[in-house]
Protein backbone atom coordinates (compact mmCIF):
# COMPACT_ATOMS: atom_id res chain seq x y z
CA MET A 1 -110.78 -210.07 187.46
CA ARG A 2 -110.83 -212.86 190.01
CA LYS A 3 -107.47 -214.30 191.32
CA VAL A 4 -107.23 -217.99 190.95
CA ASN A 5 -105.33 -220.17 193.49
CA LEU A 6 -104.04 -222.98 191.27
CA LEU A 7 -102.32 -224.65 194.18
CA ARG A 8 -105.72 -225.36 195.77
CA CYS A 9 -106.34 -228.09 193.24
CA ASP A 10 -105.43 -231.61 194.25
CA VAL A 11 -101.95 -231.74 192.52
CA ALA A 12 -100.60 -234.56 194.63
CA ARG A 13 -102.88 -237.15 193.16
CA ASP A 14 -102.60 -236.10 189.54
CA ALA A 15 -99.31 -236.94 187.97
CA SER A 16 -100.17 -234.97 184.79
CA MET A 17 -100.76 -231.83 186.90
CA GLN A 18 -97.49 -232.45 188.74
CA ASP A 19 -95.72 -232.68 185.47
CA LEU A 20 -97.36 -229.43 184.18
CA PHE A 21 -96.22 -227.54 187.35
CA SER A 22 -92.74 -229.01 186.96
CA GLU A 23 -92.63 -227.78 183.29
CA LEU A 24 -94.03 -224.44 184.27
CA ARG A 25 -91.30 -224.07 187.02
CA ASP A 26 -88.64 -225.02 184.60
CA THR A 27 -89.97 -222.62 181.88
CA ARG A 28 -89.89 -219.76 184.62
CA VAL A 29 -86.30 -220.58 185.21
CA ALA A 30 -85.51 -220.66 181.51
CA LEU A 31 -87.29 -217.29 181.02
CA SER A 32 -85.20 -215.77 183.98
CA GLN A 33 -81.89 -217.03 182.29
CA ALA A 34 -83.10 -215.65 178.96
CA TYR A 35 -83.69 -212.20 180.48
CA ALA A 36 -80.25 -212.39 182.06
CA ARG A 37 -78.54 -213.19 178.75
CA PHE A 38 -80.37 -210.35 177.19
CA ASN A 39 -79.05 -207.97 179.81
CA ALA A 40 -75.50 -209.28 179.31
CA VAL A 41 -75.06 -209.13 175.43
CA CYS A 42 -73.89 -206.33 173.43
CA ALA A 43 -73.89 -207.45 169.77
CA PRO A 44 -77.13 -206.69 167.80
CA GLU A 45 -77.30 -210.33 166.48
CA LEU A 46 -77.18 -211.68 170.03
CA VAL A 47 -79.73 -209.24 171.14
CA ASP A 48 -82.14 -210.52 168.34
CA ALA A 49 -81.54 -214.10 169.46
CA CYS A 50 -82.22 -213.34 173.11
CA VAL A 51 -85.57 -211.45 172.10
CA TYR A 52 -86.45 -214.52 170.24
CA GLU A 53 -85.68 -216.86 173.15
CA ILE A 54 -87.64 -214.57 175.53
CA ASN A 55 -90.72 -214.62 173.32
CA ALA A 56 -90.60 -218.45 172.89
CA GLU A 57 -90.22 -218.88 176.59
CA LEU A 58 -93.12 -216.51 177.27
CA SER A 59 -95.34 -218.53 174.74
CA ARG A 60 -94.37 -221.67 176.42
CA TYR A 61 -95.27 -220.17 179.85
CA ASP A 62 -98.57 -218.91 178.75
CA TYR A 63 -99.43 -222.25 177.10
CA LEU A 64 -98.52 -224.36 180.26
CA LEU A 65 -100.50 -221.90 182.45
CA ARG A 66 -103.62 -222.13 180.33
CA GLN A 67 -103.36 -225.97 180.50
CA ILE A 68 -102.98 -225.88 184.28
CA LYS A 69 -105.99 -223.61 184.55
CA GLU A 70 -108.05 -225.77 182.18
CA ARG A 71 -107.41 -228.92 184.04
CA SER A 72 -108.09 -227.12 187.30
CA GLY A 73 -111.68 -226.25 185.86
CA GLU A 74 -111.03 -222.50 185.69
CA ALA A 75 -112.25 -220.40 182.69
CA VAL A 76 -109.44 -219.56 180.41
CA TYR A 77 -109.34 -216.45 178.08
CA LYS A 78 -108.96 -217.55 174.44
CA THR A 79 -108.45 -215.63 171.22
CA CYS A 80 -109.87 -216.83 168.04
CA SER A 81 -108.05 -216.42 164.75
CA GLU A 82 -110.69 -213.66 163.74
CA GLY A 83 -109.64 -211.78 166.93
CA VAL A 84 -112.88 -212.30 168.63
CA ALA A 85 -112.38 -213.07 172.34
CA LYS A 86 -114.33 -215.83 174.00
CA TRP A 87 -114.19 -217.73 177.25
CA GLY A 88 -113.48 -221.49 177.23
């Protein structure tokens, strides 16, 4: 698998890319905070809530990363509803 340097794309001139990178950074912070909360709670109900929050933040992070890759012209792995993998 080839590594992609997303910072090489011309972000400074593209406001929408700047917004995506900003949202990605904010989501990474929120994910870190969600993991910290998960490590601090003891009640089973709160553990469930933390797991839900972590999964939601991971989904958002994956979505934003796919959007950045698509806009930078990189191939992005997609999964169809039938479970067939394809490259978009």
